[in-house]
């Protein structure tokens, strides 16, 4: 009688173990889905920032081509400005297509993490290319705008350029830092999903 009770208890424990494993598996799937949903939110913000950059660069190209010569800037400076904007546009489109494709978050989390790490590295390279260029560009812009000219218009352009440079630089740095935080959050969540 005691042996039958032991076998019955053992069978009941086995059944409970199978049920527990099933519940844990379901919980893991739910947690994984919740993590992916949270990652997708940050990921979509990154994609939207890239799309905004593309729109901004497309709109800035004809404006620079038209406005800079009106300010009396040399043609070579206008051409360099347009080439820089074209390189920024190419970098943004490349990033969107290569590092932040729309279906990436549905794929393997290792691939997602690898693309995000590569995008972070690409962003650092771009940062070291763009910042020195923009410092050179602003210096040259102010030099040519003020060279041999004195008027309220020139003074307005200088003050507007300084204010625009400060606002644009601040917004650019804030956006860059926010994107880094988003990418780090996604990478952290991927590590948690893989560990769990």
N, C-alpha and C. Protein backbone atom coordinates (compact mmCIF):
# COMPACT_ATOMS: atom_id res chain seq x y z
N UNK A 1 0.83 -1.20 0.00
CA UNK A 1 0.00 0.00 0.00
C UNK A 1 0.86 1.25 0.00
N UNK A 2 1.90 1.21 0.80
CA UNK A 2 2.82 2.34 0.91
C UNK A 2 3.55 2.57 -0.41
N UNK A 3 3.89 1.49 -1.12
CA UNK A 3 4.56 1.59 -2.42
C UNK A 3 3.67 2.23 -3.45
N UNK A 4 2.35 1.91 -3.42
CA UNK A 4 1.40 2.51 -4.37
C UNK A 4 1.27 4.00 -4.12
N UNK A 5 1.23 4.38 -2.83
CA UNK A 5 1.14 5.81 -2.49
C UNK A 5 2.37 6.55 -2.98
N UNK A 6 3.55 5.94 -2.83
CA UNK A 6 4.80 6.57 -3.28
C UNK A 6 4.78 6.74 -4.79
N UNK A 7 4.32 5.70 -5.51
CA UNK A 7 4.25 5.80 -6.96
C UNK A 7 3.23 6.86 -7.37
N UNK A 8 2.11 6.91 -6.68
CA UNK A 8 1.08 7.91 -6.97
C UNK A 8 1.60 9.32 -6.69
N UNK A 9 2.31 9.47 -5.57
CA UNK A 9 2.89 10.78 -5.24
C UNK A 9 3.94 11.18 -6.28
N UNK A 10 4.75 10.20 -6.67
CA UNK A 10 5.78 10.46 -7.66
C UNK A 10 5.17 10.87 -9.00
N UNK A 11 4.11 10.16 -9.38
CA UNK A 11 3.43 10.48 -10.64
C UNK A 11 2.80 11.86 -10.57
N UNK A 12 2.23 12.18 -9.43
CA UNK A 12 1.62 13.50 -9.24
C UNK A 12 2.69 14.60 -9.29
N UNK A 13 3.85 14.35 -8.69
CA UNK A 13 4.95 15.32 -8.73
C UNK A 13 5.45 15.52 -10.16
N UNK A 14 5.53 14.42 -10.92
CA UNK A 14 5.95 14.51 -12.32
C UNK A 14 4.96 15.36 -13.11
N UNK A 15 3.70 15.11 -12.89
CA UNK A 15 2.65 15.86 -13.58
C UNK A 15 2.75 17.35 -13.24
N UNK A 16 2.98 17.66 -11.97
CA UNK A 16 3.11 19.05 -11.55
C UNK A 16 4.36 19.69 -12.15
N UNK A 17 5.44 18.91 -12.24
CA UNK A 17 6.68 19.41 -12.85
C UNK A 17 6.46 19.75 -14.32
N UNK A 18 5.78 18.91 -15.05
CA UNK A 18 5.48 19.16 -16.47
C UNK A 18 4.64 20.42 -16.58
N UNK A 19 3.64 20.55 -15.71
CA UNK A 19 2.79 21.73 -15.72
C UNK A 19 3.59 22.99 -15.40
N UNK A 20 4.48 22.90 -14.42
CA UNK A 20 5.32 24.04 -14.04
C UNK A 20 6.23 24.45 -15.20
N UNK A 21 6.85 23.46 -15.86
CA UNK A 21 7.70 23.77 -17.01
C UNK A 21 6.90 24.46 -18.11
N UNK A 22 5.69 23.99 -18.33
CA UNK A 22 4.83 24.60 -19.35
C UNK A 22 4.50 26.04 -18.99
N UNK A 23 4.20 26.27 -17.70
CA UNK A 23 3.88 27.63 -17.25
C UNK A 23 5.11 28.55 -17.38
N UNK A 24 6.28 28.03 -17.04
CA UNK A 24 7.50 28.83 -17.16
C UNK A 24 7.79 29.17 -18.62
N UNK A 25 7.56 28.20 -19.49
CA UNK A 25 7.79 28.44 -20.92
C UNK A 25 6.84 29.52 -21.43
N UNK A 26 5.56 29.43 -21.03
CA UNK A 26 4.59 30.45 -21.44
C UNK A 26 4.98 31.81 -20.88
N UNK A 27 5.43 31.85 -19.63
CA UNK A 27 5.85 33.11 -19.00
C UNK A 27 7.04 33.69 -19.75
N UNK A 28 7.96 32.82 -20.14
CA UNK A 28 9.15 33.27 -20.89
C UNK A 28 8.75 33.86 -22.23
N UNK A 29 7.78 33.22 -22.89
CA UNK A 29 7.31 33.73 -24.19
C UNK A 29 6.64 35.09 -24.00
N UNK A 30 5.81 35.22 -22.95
CA UNK A 30 5.14 36.50 -22.67
C UNK A 30 6.17 37.58 -22.37
N UNK A 31 7.17 37.26 -21.52
CA UNK A 31 8.23 38.23 -21.20
C UNK A 31 9.01 38.63 -22.45
N UNK A 32 9.31 37.66 -23.30
CA UNK A 32 10.01 37.94 -24.55
C UNK A 32 9.22 38.88 -25.44
N UNK A 33 7.89 38.65 -25.51
CA UNK A 33 7.04 39.51 -26.34
C UNK A 33 6.98 40.91 -25.77
N UNK A 34 6.89 41.01 -24.42
CA UNK A 34 6.86 42.33 -23.79
C UNK A 34 8.17 43.08 -24.02
N UNK A 35 9.29 42.36 -23.93
CA UNK A 35 10.61 42.97 -24.17
C UNK A 35 10.70 43.46 -25.61
N UNK A 36 10.26 42.64 -26.55
CA UNK A 36 10.32 43.04 -27.96
C UNK A 36 9.46 44.28 -28.21
N UNK A 37 8.30 44.34 -27.52
CA UNK A 37 7.42 45.50 -27.68
C UNK A 37 8.12 46.75 -27.17
N UNK A 38 8.77 46.65 -26.01
CA UNK A 38 9.51 47.79 -25.45
C UNK A 38 10.67 48.18 -26.37
N UNK A 39 11.38 47.18 -26.89
CA UNK A 39 12.50 47.46 -27.81
C UNK A 39 11.99 48.14 -29.07
N UNK A 40 10.84 47.67 -29.56
CA UNK A 40 10.29 48.22 -30.80
C UNK A 40 9.99 49.71 -30.67
N UNK A 41 9.54 50.13 -29.50
CA UNK A 41 9.24 51.54 -29.27
C UNK A 41 10.50 52.40 -29.44
N UNK A 42 11.59 52.00 -28.79
CA UNK A 42 12.86 52.73 -28.92
C UNK A 42 13.37 52.65 -30.36
N UNK A 43 13.24 51.48 -30.95
CA UNK A 43 13.73 51.26 -32.31
C UNK A 43 12.97 52.14 -33.30
N UNK A 44 11.66 52.24 -33.13
CA UNK A 44 10.85 53.08 -34.03
C UNK A 44 11.22 54.56 -33.89
N UNK A 45 11.54 54.99 -32.67
CA UNK A 45 11.98 56.38 -32.49
C UNK A 45 13.29 56.63 -33.23
N UNK A 46 14.20 55.65 -33.17
CA UNK A 46 15.46 55.78 -33.92
C UNK A 46 15.18 55.91 -35.41
N UNK A 47 14.31 55.05 -35.91
CA UNK A 47 13.96 55.08 -37.34
C UNK A 47 13.32 56.42 -37.71
N UNK A 48 12.44 56.93 -36.85
CA UNK A 48 11.79 58.21 -37.13
C UNK A 48 12.80 59.35 -37.15
N UNK A 49 13.79 59.31 -36.27
CA UNK A 49 14.85 60.32 -36.29
C UNK A 49 15.62 60.26 -37.61
N UNK A 50 15.91 59.06 -38.08
CA UNK A 50 16.61 58.92 -39.37
C UNK A 50 15.77 59.48 -40.51
N UNK A 51 14.47 59.18 -40.49
CA UNK A 51 13.58 59.69 -41.53
C UNK A 51 13.50 61.22 -41.50
N UNK A 52 13.44 61.78 -40.28
CA UNK A 52 13.41 63.24 -40.15
C UNK A 52 14.69 63.84 -40.72
N UNK A 53 15.84 63.22 -40.45
CA UNK A 53 17.11 63.72 -40.99
C UNK A 53 17.09 63.72 -42.51
N UNK A 54 16.55 62.67 -43.08
CA UNK A 54 16.48 62.58 -44.55
C UNK A 54 15.63 63.71 -45.11
N UNK A 55 14.46 63.94 -44.52
CA UNK A 55 13.57 65.02 -44.99
C UNK A 55 14.26 66.37 -44.84
N UNK A 56 14.89 66.60 -43.68
CA UNK A 56 15.57 67.87 -43.43
C UNK A 56 16.69 68.10 -44.45
N UNK A 57 17.48 67.06 -44.73
CA UNK A 57 18.59 67.20 -45.67
C UNK A 57 18.09 67.45 -47.09
N UNK A 58 17.01 66.79 -47.48
CA UNK A 58 16.44 67.01 -48.82
C UNK A 58 15.94 68.44 -48.95
N UNK A 59 15.31 68.97 -47.90
CA UNK A 59 14.82 70.35 -47.95
C UNK A 59 15.96 71.37 -47.89
N UNK A 60 17.02 71.05 -47.16
CA UNK A 60 18.14 72.00 -47.00
C UNK A 60 18.96 72.13 -48.28
N UNK A 61 19.04 71.08 -49.09
CA UNK A 61 19.86 71.13 -50.31
C UNK A 61 19.49 72.28 -51.24
N UNK A 62 18.25 72.37 -51.73
CA UNK A 62 17.94 73.48 -52.64
C UNK A 62 18.00 74.84 -51.95
N UNK A 63 17.68 74.86 -50.65
CA UNK A 63 17.72 76.12 -49.93
C UNK A 63 19.15 76.67 -49.88
N UNK A 64 20.10 75.82 -49.56
CA UNK A 64 21.51 76.25 -49.50
C UNK A 64 22.00 76.67 -50.89
N UNK A 65 21.59 75.94 -51.89
CA UNK A 65 22.01 76.27 -53.26
C UNK A 65 21.48 77.64 -53.68
N UNK A 66 20.33 78.00 -53.16
CA UNK A 66 19.70 79.26 -53.53
C UNK A 66 20.13 80.42 -52.62
N UNK A 67 20.17 80.20 -51.29
CA UNK A 67 20.39 81.28 -50.33
C UNK A 67 21.86 81.69 -50.22
N UNK A 68 22.77 80.74 -50.19
CA UNK A 68 24.18 81.08 -49.97
C UNK A 68 24.75 82.02 -51.04
N UNK A 69 24.47 81.82 -52.34
CA UNK A 69 24.97 82.79 -53.32
C UNK A 69 24.37 84.19 -53.14
N UNK A 70 23.13 84.26 -52.63
CA UNK A 70 22.51 85.56 -52.39
C UNK A 70 23.24 86.33 -51.29
N UNK A 71 23.91 85.61 -50.40
CA UNK A 71 24.67 86.25 -49.32
C UNK A 71 26.07 86.65 -49.77
N UNK A 72 26.37 86.40 -51.04
CA UNK A 72 27.67 86.78 -51.58
C UNK A 72 28.77 85.77 -51.30
N UNK A 73 28.40 84.54 -50.99
CA UNK A 73 29.40 83.51 -50.71
C UNK A 73 29.93 82.93 -52.02
N UNK A 74 31.21 82.58 -52.06
CA UNK A 74 31.79 82.06 -53.30
C UNK A 74 31.16 80.73 -53.71
N UNK A 75 31.23 80.46 -54.99
CA UNK A 75 30.63 79.26 -55.55
C UNK A 75 31.25 77.99 -54.97
N UNK A 76 32.57 78.00 -54.71
CA UNK A 76 33.21 76.81 -54.16
C UNK A 76 32.65 76.49 -52.77
N UNK A 77 32.33 77.52 -51.99
CA UNK A 77 31.77 77.31 -50.65
C UNK A 77 30.36 76.71 -50.75
N UNK A 78 29.59 77.21 -51.70
CA UNK A 78 28.24 76.67 -51.93
C UNK A 78 28.34 75.20 -52.34
N UNK A 79 29.29 74.90 -53.24
CA UNK A 79 29.46 73.52 -53.71
C UNK A 79 29.89 72.60 -52.57
N UNK A 80 30.80 73.05 -51.71
CA UNK A 80 31.25 72.25 -50.57
C UNK A 80 30.08 72.00 -49.62
N UNK A 81 29.26 73.02 -49.41
CA UNK A 81 28.10 72.88 -48.53
C UNK A 81 27.12 71.85 -49.08
N UNK A 82 26.84 71.94 -50.37
CA UNK A 82 25.92 71.00 -51.00
C UNK A 82 26.49 69.59 -50.96
N UNK A 83 27.81 69.44 -51.21
CA UNK A 83 28.42 68.11 -51.14
C UNK A 83 28.34 67.53 -49.73
N UNK A 84 28.53 68.38 -48.71
CA UNK A 84 28.40 67.89 -47.34
C UNK A 84 26.97 67.43 -47.07
N UNK A 85 25.99 68.21 -47.49
CA UNK A 85 24.59 67.81 -47.30
C UNK A 85 24.27 66.52 -48.05
N UNK A 86 24.84 66.36 -49.24
CA UNK A 86 24.64 65.12 -49.98
C UNK A 86 25.26 63.93 -49.24
N UNK A 87 26.45 64.14 -48.63
CA UNK A 87 27.07 63.05 -47.87
C UNK A 87 26.23 62.73 -46.62
N UNK A 88 25.66 63.76 -45.98
CA UNK A 88 24.79 63.53 -44.83
C UNK A 88 23.53 62.77 -45.25
N UNK A 89 22.97 63.14 -46.41
CA UNK A 89 21.79 62.45 -46.93
C UNK A 89 22.12 60.99 -47.23
N UNK A 90 23.26 60.75 -47.87
CA UNK A 90 23.67 59.38 -48.18
C UNK A 90 23.87 58.57 -46.89
N UNK A 91 24.48 59.17 -45.88
CA UNK A 91 24.71 58.47 -44.61
C UNK A 91 23.38 58.15 -43.93
N UNK A 92 22.43 59.07 -43.98
CA UNK A 92 21.12 58.83 -43.35
C UNK A 92 20.36 57.73 -44.07
N UNK A 93 20.34 57.76 -45.39
CA UNK A 93 19.64 56.73 -46.16
C UNK A 93 20.30 55.38 -45.94
N UNK A 94 21.64 55.35 -45.97
CA UNK A 94 22.38 54.11 -45.74
C UNK A 94 22.05 53.55 -44.36
N UNK A 95 22.04 54.41 -43.34
CA UNK A 95 21.73 53.96 -41.97
C UNK A 95 20.33 53.39 -41.88
N UNK A 96 19.38 54.07 -42.50
CA UNK A 96 17.99 53.62 -42.44
C UNK A 96 17.83 52.26 -43.12
N UNK A 97 18.43 52.09 -44.28
CA UNK A 97 18.28 50.84 -45.02
C UNK A 97 19.12 49.71 -44.44
N UNK A 98 20.33 50.03 -44.00
CA UNK A 98 21.27 48.99 -43.59
C UNK A 98 21.17 48.63 -42.11
N UNK A 99 21.01 49.61 -41.24
CA UNK A 99 21.04 49.36 -39.80
C UNK A 99 19.67 49.36 -39.15
N UNK A 100 18.68 49.94 -39.80
CA UNK A 100 17.37 50.09 -39.16
C UNK A 100 16.23 49.73 -40.09
N UNK A 101 16.35 48.59 -40.76
CA UNK A 101 15.28 48.18 -41.66
C UNK A 101 14.01 47.91 -40.86
N UNK A 102 12.87 48.06 -41.49
CA UNK A 102 11.59 47.96 -40.80
C UNK A 102 11.32 46.61 -40.18
N UNK A 103 11.83 45.53 -40.76
CA UNK A 103 11.53 44.19 -40.25
C UNK A 103 12.63 43.64 -39.34
N UNK A 104 13.62 44.44 -39.02
CA UNK A 104 14.76 43.94 -38.25
C UNK A 104 14.33 43.43 -36.87
N UNK A 105 13.40 44.12 -36.21
CA UNK A 105 13.02 43.74 -34.85
C UNK A 105 12.28 42.41 -34.79
N UNK A 106 11.82 41.91 -35.93
CA UNK A 106 11.14 40.62 -35.96
C UNK A 106 12.12 39.47 -36.08
N UNK A 107 13.38 39.79 -36.35
CA UNK A 107 14.37 38.76 -36.59
C UNK A 107 15.07 38.28 -35.33
N UNK A 108 16.16 37.61 -35.56
CA UNK A 108 17.00 37.06 -34.49
C UNK A 108 17.57 38.21 -33.66
N UNK A 109 17.48 38.08 -32.33
CA UNK A 109 17.94 39.16 -31.45
C UNK A 109 19.45 39.39 -31.56
N UNK A 110 20.20 38.35 -31.86
CA UNK A 110 21.65 38.52 -32.04
C UNK A 110 21.94 39.41 -33.23
N UNK A 111 21.17 39.21 -34.32
CA UNK A 111 21.33 40.07 -35.50
C UNK A 111 20.95 41.52 -35.19
N UNK A 112 19.88 41.69 -34.41
CA UNK A 112 19.45 43.03 -34.02
C UNK A 112 20.56 43.71 -33.23
N UNK A 113 21.10 43.00 -32.24
CA UNK A 113 22.16 43.57 -31.40
C UNK A 113 23.38 43.93 -32.24
N UNK A 114 23.76 43.06 -33.17
CA UNK A 114 24.92 43.32 -34.03
C UNK A 114 24.71 44.56 -34.88
N UNK A 115 23.52 44.70 -35.45
CA UNK A 115 23.23 45.88 -36.29
C UNK A 115 23.26 47.17 -35.46
N UNK A 116 22.73 47.09 -34.24
CA UNK A 116 22.71 48.28 -33.38
C UNK A 116 24.13 48.67 -32.99
N UNK A 117 24.96 47.69 -32.66
CA UNK A 117 26.36 47.99 -32.33
C UNK A 117 27.06 48.61 -33.54
N UNK A 118 26.81 48.08 -34.71
CA UNK A 118 27.43 48.65 -35.93
C UNK A 118 26.91 50.05 -36.20
N UNK A 119 25.63 50.29 -35.94
CA UNK A 119 25.07 51.63 -36.13
C UNK A 119 25.70 52.62 -35.15
N UNK A 120 25.91 52.18 -33.91
CA UNK A 120 26.57 53.06 -32.93
C UNK A 120 27.97 53.43 -33.41
N UNK A 121 28.70 52.45 -33.91
CA UNK A 121 30.05 52.70 -34.42
C UNK A 121 30.01 53.65 -35.62
N UNK A 122 29.06 53.44 -36.53
CA UNK A 122 28.89 54.31 -37.69
C UNK A 122 28.60 55.74 -37.24
N UNK A 123 27.75 55.88 -36.22
CA UNK A 123 27.42 57.20 -35.68
C UNK A 123 28.63 57.91 -35.11
N UNK A 124 29.50 57.17 -34.44
CA UNK A 124 30.73 57.77 -33.89
C UNK A 124 31.64 58.23 -35.02
N UNK A 125 31.79 57.40 -36.05
CA UNK A 125 32.61 57.82 -37.20
C UNK A 125 32.03 59.08 -37.83
N UNK A 126 30.71 59.12 -38.01
CA UNK A 126 30.07 60.28 -38.62
C UNK A 126 30.30 61.52 -37.75
N UNK A 127 30.19 61.36 -36.45
CA UNK A 127 30.38 62.45 -35.50
C UNK A 127 31.77 63.07 -35.68
N UNK A 128 32.79 62.23 -35.81
CA UNK A 128 34.16 62.74 -35.96
C UNK A 128 34.42 63.33 -37.34
N UNK A 129 33.57 63.05 -38.30
CA UNK A 129 33.66 63.66 -39.62
C UNK A 129 32.88 64.97 -39.65
N UNK A 130 31.67 64.95 -39.09
CA UNK A 130 30.76 66.09 -39.23
C UNK A 130 31.14 67.28 -38.34
N UNK A 131 31.55 67.03 -37.10
CA UNK A 131 31.82 68.14 -36.19
C UNK A 131 32.98 69.02 -36.69
N UNK A 132 34.13 68.46 -37.05
CA UNK A 132 35.19 69.34 -37.58
C UNK A 132 34.76 70.09 -38.85
N UNK A 133 34.00 69.39 -39.71
CA UNK A 133 33.54 70.06 -40.93
C UNK A 133 32.64 71.24 -40.58
N UNK A 134 31.70 71.03 -39.65
CA UNK A 134 30.77 72.10 -39.30
C UNK A 134 31.48 73.29 -38.64
N UNK A 135 32.51 73.02 -37.84
CA UNK A 135 33.30 74.11 -37.25
C UNK A 135 33.98 74.90 -38.36
N UNK A 136 34.59 74.18 -39.31
CA UNK A 136 35.23 74.84 -40.47
C UNK A 136 34.18 75.63 -41.26
N UNK A 137 33.02 75.02 -41.48
CA UNK A 137 31.98 75.65 -42.28
C UNK A 137 31.51 76.95 -41.63
N UNK A 138 31.24 76.91 -40.33
CA UNK A 138 30.76 78.12 -39.65
C UNK A 138 31.81 79.22 -39.68
N UNK A 139 33.07 78.86 -39.43
CA UNK A 139 34.14 79.86 -39.48
C UNK A 139 34.25 80.50 -40.85
N UNK A 140 34.22 79.69 -41.88
CA UNK A 140 34.32 80.19 -43.26
C UNK A 140 33.09 81.03 -43.61
N UNK A 141 31.92 80.58 -43.20
CA UNK A 141 30.68 81.30 -43.45
C UNK A 141 30.75 82.72 -42.85
N UNK A 142 31.13 82.80 -41.58
CA UNK A 142 31.21 84.11 -40.92
C UNK A 142 32.30 84.98 -41.55
N UNK A 143 33.39 84.37 -41.97
CA UNK A 143 34.47 85.13 -42.61
C UNK A 143 33.96 85.79 -43.89
N UNK A 144 33.31 85.01 -44.76
CA UNK A 144 32.86 85.56 -46.04
C UNK A 144 31.69 86.52 -45.89
N UNK A 145 30.82 86.27 -44.93
CA UNK A 145 29.66 87.15 -44.76
C UNK A 145 30.10 88.52 -44.24
N UNK A 146 31.10 88.54 -43.38
CA UNK A 146 31.52 89.81 -42.77
C UNK A 146 32.66 90.49 -43.51
N UNK A 147 33.30 89.82 -44.41
CA UNK A 147 34.49 90.35 -45.10
C UNK A 147 34.16 91.62 -45.88
N UNK A 148 34.67 92.75 -45.38
CA UNK A 148 34.54 94.03 -46.08
C UNK A 148 33.12 94.57 -46.13
N UNK A 149 32.23 94.07 -45.31
CA UNK A 149 30.84 94.53 -45.36
C UNK A 149 30.42 94.98 -43.96
N UNK A 150 29.72 96.08 -43.92
CA UNK A 150 29.15 96.52 -42.65
C UNK A 150 27.75 97.03 -42.93
N UNK A 151 26.79 96.34 -42.36
CA UNK A 151 25.39 96.78 -42.50
C UNK A 151 24.57 96.04 -41.46
N UNK A 152 23.35 96.50 -41.29
CA UNK A 152 22.46 95.82 -40.34
C UNK A 152 22.13 94.41 -40.83
N UNK A 153 22.08 94.25 -42.15
CA UNK A 153 21.80 92.93 -42.72
C UNK A 153 22.89 91.94 -42.33
N UNK A 154 24.15 92.36 -42.49
CA UNK A 154 25.28 91.49 -42.14
C UNK A 154 25.25 91.17 -40.66
N UNK A 155 24.98 92.19 -39.85
CA UNK A 155 24.90 91.99 -38.41
C UNK A 155 23.79 90.98 -38.07
N UNK A 156 22.66 91.09 -38.73
CA UNK A 156 21.55 90.15 -38.51
C UNK A 156 21.91 88.73 -38.92
N UNK A 157 22.64 88.61 -40.05
CA UNK A 157 23.07 87.28 -40.51
C UNK A 157 24.04 86.66 -39.50
N UNK A 158 24.96 87.47 -38.97
CA UNK A 158 25.94 86.96 -38.00
C UNK A 158 25.22 86.51 -36.72
N UNK A 159 24.37 87.38 -36.19
CA UNK A 159 23.65 86.99 -34.97
C UNK A 159 22.74 85.79 -35.22
N UNK A 160 22.07 85.80 -36.34
CA UNK A 160 21.21 84.65 -36.69
C UNK A 160 22.02 83.37 -36.84
N UNK A 161 23.21 83.50 -37.45
CA UNK A 161 24.09 82.33 -37.61
C UNK A 161 24.57 81.79 -36.28
N UNK A 162 24.93 82.71 -35.38
CA UNK A 162 25.40 82.28 -34.06
C UNK A 162 24.26 81.59 -33.29
N UNK A 163 23.10 82.22 -33.28
CA UNK A 163 21.96 81.64 -32.57
C UNK A 163 21.55 80.30 -33.20
N UNK A 164 21.51 80.27 -34.53
CA UNK A 164 21.17 79.03 -35.23
C UNK A 164 22.20 77.93 -34.98
N UNK A 165 23.48 78.32 -34.96
CA UNK A 165 24.53 77.33 -34.67
C UNK A 165 24.42 76.75 -33.27
N UNK A 166 24.15 77.63 -32.30
CA UNK A 166 24.01 77.16 -30.91
C UNK A 166 22.78 76.26 -30.77
N UNK A 167 21.65 76.71 -31.33
CA UNK A 167 20.42 75.90 -31.22
C UNK A 167 20.58 74.58 -31.98
N UNK A 168 21.09 74.64 -33.20
CA UNK A 168 21.28 73.42 -34.00
C UNK A 168 22.27 72.47 -33.34
N UNK A 169 23.37 73.01 -32.82
CA UNK A 169 24.36 72.16 -32.15
C UNK A 169 23.78 71.51 -30.91
N UNK A 170 23.03 72.28 -30.12
CA UNK A 170 22.42 71.74 -28.90
C UNK A 170 21.41 70.64 -29.24
N UNK A 171 20.54 70.92 -30.21
CA UNK A 171 19.55 69.92 -30.60
C UNK A 171 20.22 68.67 -31.16
N UNK A 172 21.27 68.86 -31.95
CA UNK A 172 21.99 67.72 -32.51
C UNK A 172 22.62 66.85 -31.43
N UNK A 173 23.25 67.49 -30.45
CA UNK A 173 23.89 66.73 -29.37
C UNK A 173 22.84 66.02 -28.52
N UNK A 174 21.74 66.72 -28.20
CA UNK A 174 20.67 66.10 -27.41
C UNK A 174 20.10 64.90 -28.16
N UNK A 175 19.85 65.04 -29.45
CA UNK A 175 19.31 63.95 -30.25
C UNK A 175 20.29 62.78 -30.30
N UNK A 176 21.57 63.08 -30.47
CA UNK A 176 22.61 62.03 -30.52
C UNK A 176 22.65 61.27 -29.20
N UNK A 177 22.62 61.98 -28.08
CA UNK A 177 22.66 61.34 -26.75
C UNK A 177 21.40 60.51 -26.52
N UNK A 178 20.24 61.04 -26.92
CA UNK A 178 18.99 60.28 -26.77
C UNK A 178 19.05 58.99 -27.58
N UNK A 179 19.56 59.07 -28.80
CA UNK A 179 19.67 57.87 -29.62
C UNK A 179 20.63 56.85 -29.00
N UNK A 180 21.74 57.33 -28.42
CA UNK A 180 22.66 56.42 -27.73
C UNK A 180 21.95 55.72 -26.57
N UNK A 181 21.17 56.48 -25.80
CA UNK A 181 20.43 55.88 -24.69
C UNK A 181 19.43 54.84 -25.19
N UNK A 182 18.75 55.16 -26.28
CA UNK A 182 17.79 54.20 -26.84
C UNK A 182 18.49 52.92 -27.27
N UNK A 183 19.62 53.07 -27.97
CA UNK A 183 20.35 51.89 -28.43
C UNK A 183 20.86 51.07 -27.25
N UNK A 184 21.36 51.75 -26.22
CA UNK A 184 21.84 51.03 -25.04
C UNK A 184 20.70 50.29 -24.33
N UNK A 185 19.51 50.92 -24.28
CA UNK A 185 18.35 50.25 -23.68
C UNK A 185 17.97 49.00 -24.47
N UNK A 186 17.98 49.11 -25.80
CA UNK A 186 17.65 47.95 -26.63
C UNK A 186 18.66 46.84 -26.40
N UNK A 187 19.95 47.18 -26.38
CA UNK A 187 20.99 46.17 -26.16
C UNK A 187 20.84 45.53 -24.78
N UNK A 188 20.52 46.32 -23.78
CA UNK A 188 20.32 45.79 -22.42
C UNK A 188 19.14 44.83 -22.39
N UNK A 189 18.04 45.21 -23.06
CA UNK A 189 16.87 44.34 -23.09
C UNK A 189 17.16 43.05 -23.83
N UNK A 190 17.96 43.13 -24.90
CA UNK A 190 18.33 41.91 -25.63
C UNK A 190 19.13 40.99 -24.72
N UNK A 191 20.08 41.56 -23.96
CA UNK A 191 20.86 40.75 -23.02
C UNK A 191 19.95 40.08 -21.99
N UNK A 192 18.94 40.83 -21.49
CA UNK A 192 18.02 40.27 -20.50
C UNK A 192 17.19 39.13 -21.09
N UNK A 193 16.71 39.32 -22.32
CA UNK A 193 15.93 38.25 -22.97
C UNK A 193 16.79 37.02 -23.15
N UNK A 194 18.04 37.21 -23.61
CA UNK A 194 18.92 36.07 -23.83
C UNK A 194 19.28 35.38 -22.53
N UNK A 195 19.46 36.16 -21.46
CA UNK A 195 19.81 35.57 -20.15
C UNK A 195 18.61 34.83 -19.57
N UNK A 196 17.40 35.36 -19.81
CA UNK A 196 16.19 34.75 -19.26
C UNK A 196 15.78 33.55 -20.06
